[in-house]
N, C-alpha and C. Protein backbone atom coordinates (compact mmCIF):
# COMPACT_ATOMS: atom_id res chain seq x y z
N MET A 1 103.09 275.40 66.99
CA MET A 1 101.89 275.22 66.08
C MET A 1 102.07 275.83 64.72
N GLU A 2 101.81 275.19 63.77
CA GLU A 2 102.15 275.68 62.34
C GLU A 2 101.07 276.76 61.94
N ALA A 3 99.84 276.72 62.63
CA ALA A 3 98.97 277.74 62.16
C ALA A 3 99.41 279.04 62.48
N TYR A 4 100.28 279.32 63.59
CA TYR A 4 100.84 280.51 63.83
C TYR A 4 101.79 281.03 62.80
N LYS A 5 102.18 280.36 62.08
CA LYS A 5 103.04 280.72 60.96
C LYS A 5 102.23 281.49 59.97
N LEU A 6 100.87 281.22 59.85
CA LEU A 6 100.11 281.88 58.85
C LEU A 6 99.57 283.20 59.48
N ALA A 7 99.90 283.58 60.86
CA ALA A 7 99.19 284.69 61.48
C ALA A 7 99.86 285.94 60.83
N TRP A 8 101.00 286.02 60.34
CA TRP A 8 101.53 287.26 59.67
C TRP A 8 100.69 287.66 58.43
N ILE A 9 99.97 286.83 57.82
CA ILE A 9 99.35 287.20 56.57
C ILE A 9 98.20 288.23 56.87
N LEU A 10 97.58 288.17 57.88
CA LEU A 10 96.49 288.98 58.34
C LEU A 10 96.92 290.48 58.50
N PRO A 11 97.91 290.75 59.41
CA PRO A 11 98.42 292.12 59.13
C PRO A 11 99.16 292.60 58.08
N ALA A 12 99.68 291.82 57.22
CA ALA A 12 100.34 292.13 55.90
C ALA A 12 99.20 292.47 55.11
N CYS A 13 98.20 291.88 54.88
CA CYS A 13 96.99 292.14 54.06
C CYS A 13 96.51 293.39 54.49
N ALA A 14 96.21 293.61 55.70
CA ALA A 14 95.67 294.91 56.27
C ALA A 14 96.49 296.14 55.94
N GLY A 15 97.78 295.91 56.13
CA GLY A 15 98.76 297.06 55.81
C GLY A 15 98.47 297.37 54.30
N ILE A 16 98.62 296.35 53.44
CA ILE A 16 98.56 296.55 51.91
C ILE A 16 97.30 297.32 51.75
N THR A 17 96.09 296.86 52.37
CA THR A 17 94.92 297.55 52.16
C THR A 17 94.89 299.05 52.71
N LEU A 18 95.60 299.29 53.81
CA LEU A 18 95.57 300.56 54.14
C LEU A 18 96.40 301.59 53.25
N LEU A 19 97.62 301.07 52.97
CA LEU A 19 98.39 301.90 52.02
C LEU A 19 97.64 302.02 50.68
N LEU A 20 96.99 301.24 50.11
CA LEU A 20 96.40 301.35 48.98
C LEU A 20 95.07 302.46 49.21
N ASN A 21 94.43 302.26 50.29
CA ASN A 21 93.49 303.38 50.57
C ASN A 21 93.91 304.70 50.78
N MET A 22 95.04 304.95 51.39
CA MET A 22 95.80 306.15 51.57
C MET A 22 96.31 306.75 50.19
N ALA A 23 96.51 306.00 49.30
CA ALA A 23 97.12 306.26 48.12
C ALA A 23 96.05 306.73 47.15
N GLY A 24 94.74 306.38 47.57
CA GLY A 24 93.48 306.65 46.67
C GLY A 24 93.22 305.56 45.57
N ALA A 25 93.88 304.47 45.80
CA ALA A 25 93.67 303.29 44.74
C ALA A 25 92.36 302.71 45.12
N GLU A 26 92.01 301.83 44.08
CA GLU A 26 90.81 300.93 44.41
C GLU A 26 91.01 299.87 45.25
N THR A 27 90.35 299.74 46.19
CA THR A 27 90.64 298.55 47.31
C THR A 27 89.37 297.58 47.49
N ASP A 28 88.63 297.55 46.44
CA ASP A 28 87.46 296.59 46.58
C ASP A 28 87.84 295.14 46.69
N VAL A 29 88.69 294.80 45.90
CA VAL A 29 89.14 293.33 45.82
C VAL A 29 90.16 293.00 46.70
N VAL A 30 91.08 294.00 47.13
CA VAL A 30 92.04 293.69 48.17
C VAL A 30 91.28 293.70 49.47
N ARG A 31 90.41 294.48 49.82
CA ARG A 31 89.57 294.58 50.92
C ARG A 31 88.88 293.21 51.26
N ARG A 32 88.43 292.71 50.27
CA ARG A 32 87.60 291.35 50.34
C ARG A 32 88.50 290.19 50.49
N ILE A 33 89.67 290.39 49.89
CA ILE A 33 90.66 289.24 50.05
C ILE A 33 91.23 289.29 51.36
N THR A 34 91.43 290.41 51.88
CA THR A 34 91.89 290.66 53.32
C THR A 34 90.88 290.01 54.28
N GLY A 35 89.65 290.35 54.02
CA GLY A 35 88.41 289.78 54.86
C GLY A 35 88.37 288.22 54.82
N LEU A 36 88.73 287.75 53.77
CA LEU A 36 88.74 286.23 53.63
C LEU A 36 89.86 285.55 54.63
N VAL A 37 90.93 286.24 54.60
CA VAL A 37 92.21 285.66 55.15
C VAL A 37 91.83 284.95 56.47
N PRO A 38 91.25 285.50 57.39
CA PRO A 38 90.92 284.85 58.80
C PRO A 38 90.19 283.59 58.55
N PHE A 39 89.25 283.54 57.61
CA PHE A 39 88.58 282.28 57.34
C PHE A 39 89.51 281.21 56.75
N ALA A 40 90.41 281.65 55.93
CA ALA A 40 91.37 280.66 55.25
C ALA A 40 92.31 279.99 56.35
N VAL A 41 92.74 280.92 57.38
CA VAL A 41 93.40 280.45 58.51
C VAL A 41 92.66 279.49 59.25
N LEU A 42 91.35 279.95 59.56
CA LEU A 42 90.43 278.92 60.35
C LEU A 42 90.39 277.59 59.64
N ALA A 43 89.90 277.62 58.28
CA ALA A 43 89.86 276.52 57.57
C ALA A 43 90.96 275.67 57.61
N TYR A 44 92.35 276.18 57.56
CA TYR A 44 93.52 275.32 57.59
C TYR A 44 93.62 274.82 59.10
N SER A 45 93.31 275.68 60.08
CA SER A 45 93.65 275.17 61.34
C SER A 45 92.44 274.19 61.83
N LEU A 46 91.38 274.37 61.28
CA LEU A 46 90.24 273.15 61.44
C LEU A 46 90.66 271.83 60.85
N ASN A 47 91.47 271.99 59.71
CA ASN A 47 91.87 270.85 58.93
C ASN A 47 93.03 270.14 59.74
N LYS A 48 93.80 270.87 60.29
CA LYS A 48 95.12 270.59 61.06
C LYS A 48 94.65 270.03 62.41
N PHE A 49 93.99 270.76 63.14
CA PHE A 49 93.59 270.47 64.55
C PHE A 49 92.35 269.93 64.97
N GLY A 50 91.46 269.83 63.94
CA GLY A 50 90.15 269.23 64.35
C GLY A 50 89.21 270.35 64.83
N SER A 51 87.89 269.87 65.25
CA SER A 51 86.92 270.70 65.78
C SER A 51 87.23 271.25 67.15
N ASP A 52 88.17 270.77 67.81
CA ASP A 52 88.43 271.34 69.24
C ASP A 52 88.91 272.64 69.10
N LEU A 53 89.26 273.13 67.86
CA LEU A 53 89.79 274.49 67.79
C LEU A 53 88.71 275.35 68.40
N PHE A 54 87.46 275.23 68.10
CA PHE A 54 86.43 276.19 68.56
C PHE A 54 86.54 276.40 70.04
N GLN A 55 86.92 275.31 70.78
CA GLN A 55 87.00 275.48 72.17
C GLN A 55 88.14 276.16 72.58
N ILE A 56 89.32 276.19 71.87
CA ILE A 56 90.48 276.85 72.38
C ILE A 56 90.62 278.25 71.66
N LEU A 57 89.86 278.50 70.81
CA LEU A 57 89.94 279.94 69.98
C LEU A 57 89.60 280.83 71.01
N SER A 58 90.51 281.86 71.25
CA SER A 58 90.33 282.99 72.04
C SER A 58 89.63 284.14 71.60
N TRP A 59 89.49 285.24 72.12
CA TRP A 59 88.59 286.27 71.82
C TRP A 59 89.26 286.90 70.60
N GLY A 60 90.46 287.06 70.42
CA GLY A 60 91.28 287.56 69.26
C GLY A 60 90.83 286.92 67.98
N GLY A 61 90.82 285.61 68.14
CA GLY A 61 90.13 284.74 66.77
C GLY A 61 88.75 285.21 66.51
N TRP A 62 87.93 285.44 67.40
CA TRP A 62 86.47 285.85 67.13
C TRP A 62 86.41 287.20 66.49
N VAL A 63 87.21 288.00 67.12
CA VAL A 63 87.37 289.47 66.63
C VAL A 63 88.06 289.42 65.21
N ALA A 64 88.97 288.69 64.88
CA ALA A 64 89.52 288.71 63.52
C ALA A 64 88.52 288.08 62.59
N LEU A 65 87.47 287.22 62.86
CA LEU A 65 86.53 286.70 62.03
C LEU A 65 85.45 287.68 61.92
N ALA A 66 85.07 288.32 62.96
CA ALA A 66 84.08 289.30 62.85
C ALA A 66 84.59 290.46 61.97
N SER A 67 85.74 290.86 62.10
CA SER A 67 86.31 291.93 61.43
C SER A 67 86.42 291.34 59.85
N GLY A 68 86.73 290.20 59.53
CA GLY A 68 86.67 289.75 58.23
C GLY A 68 85.43 289.83 57.65
N VAL A 69 84.43 289.42 58.33
CA VAL A 69 83.03 289.55 57.88
C VAL A 69 82.54 290.97 57.43
N ALA A 70 83.08 292.03 58.36
CA ALA A 70 82.85 293.24 57.99
C ALA A 70 83.56 293.74 56.74
N LEU A 71 84.77 293.37 56.53
CA LEU A 71 85.47 293.90 55.43
C LEU A 71 84.88 293.13 54.11
N ILE A 72 84.23 292.10 54.17
CA ILE A 72 83.52 291.30 53.04
C ILE A 72 82.22 292.00 52.77
N VAL A 73 81.48 292.35 53.58
CA VAL A 73 80.14 292.75 53.40
C VAL A 73 80.02 294.32 53.27
N ALA A 74 81.05 295.13 53.85
CA ALA A 74 80.74 296.56 53.91
C ALA A 74 80.80 297.02 52.41
N PRO A 75 79.88 297.92 52.08
CA PRO A 75 79.65 298.46 50.91
C PRO A 75 80.86 299.39 50.54
N SER A 76 81.18 299.47 49.22
CA SER A 76 82.21 300.34 48.96
C SER A 76 81.63 301.80 48.90
N PRO A 77 82.45 302.95 49.17
CA PRO A 77 81.93 304.27 49.35
C PRO A 77 81.69 304.68 47.83
N ALA A 78 80.64 305.47 47.76
CA ALA A 78 80.18 305.99 46.34
C ALA A 78 81.30 306.87 45.79
N LYS A 79 81.68 306.74 44.57
CA LYS A 79 82.50 307.51 43.84
C LYS A 79 82.04 308.96 43.37
N PRO A 80 82.57 310.04 43.74
CA PRO A 80 82.00 311.33 43.29
C PRO A 80 81.96 311.36 41.81
N GLN A 81 80.83 311.82 41.25
CA GLN A 81 80.69 311.88 39.81
C GLN A 81 81.09 313.26 39.46
N PRO A 82 81.70 313.39 38.33
CA PRO A 82 82.07 314.69 37.64
C PRO A 82 80.76 315.36 37.35
N LYS A 83 80.72 316.63 37.58
CA LYS A 83 79.75 317.61 37.16
C LYS A 83 79.85 317.92 35.62
N ALA A 84 78.73 317.80 35.18
CA ALA A 84 78.48 317.97 33.63
C ALA A 84 78.43 319.38 33.20
């Protein structure tokens, strides 16, 4: 299946997000892009395989979609304000 060729994108984006977060860089945009990746793979797969995909989607696919939603809607942590 060609959709499995896209599966490497999700852990790659997650790794980039993790590295940026560990480096203290801003991750708002990257985190939201990473959250959209499972939906992009789902849209591609639905286009390629049709609506039967929902019947064959395993629990890992549902977990990836739920995690994507969490990454998209989770608020960014407040930045500490310098004391005046």
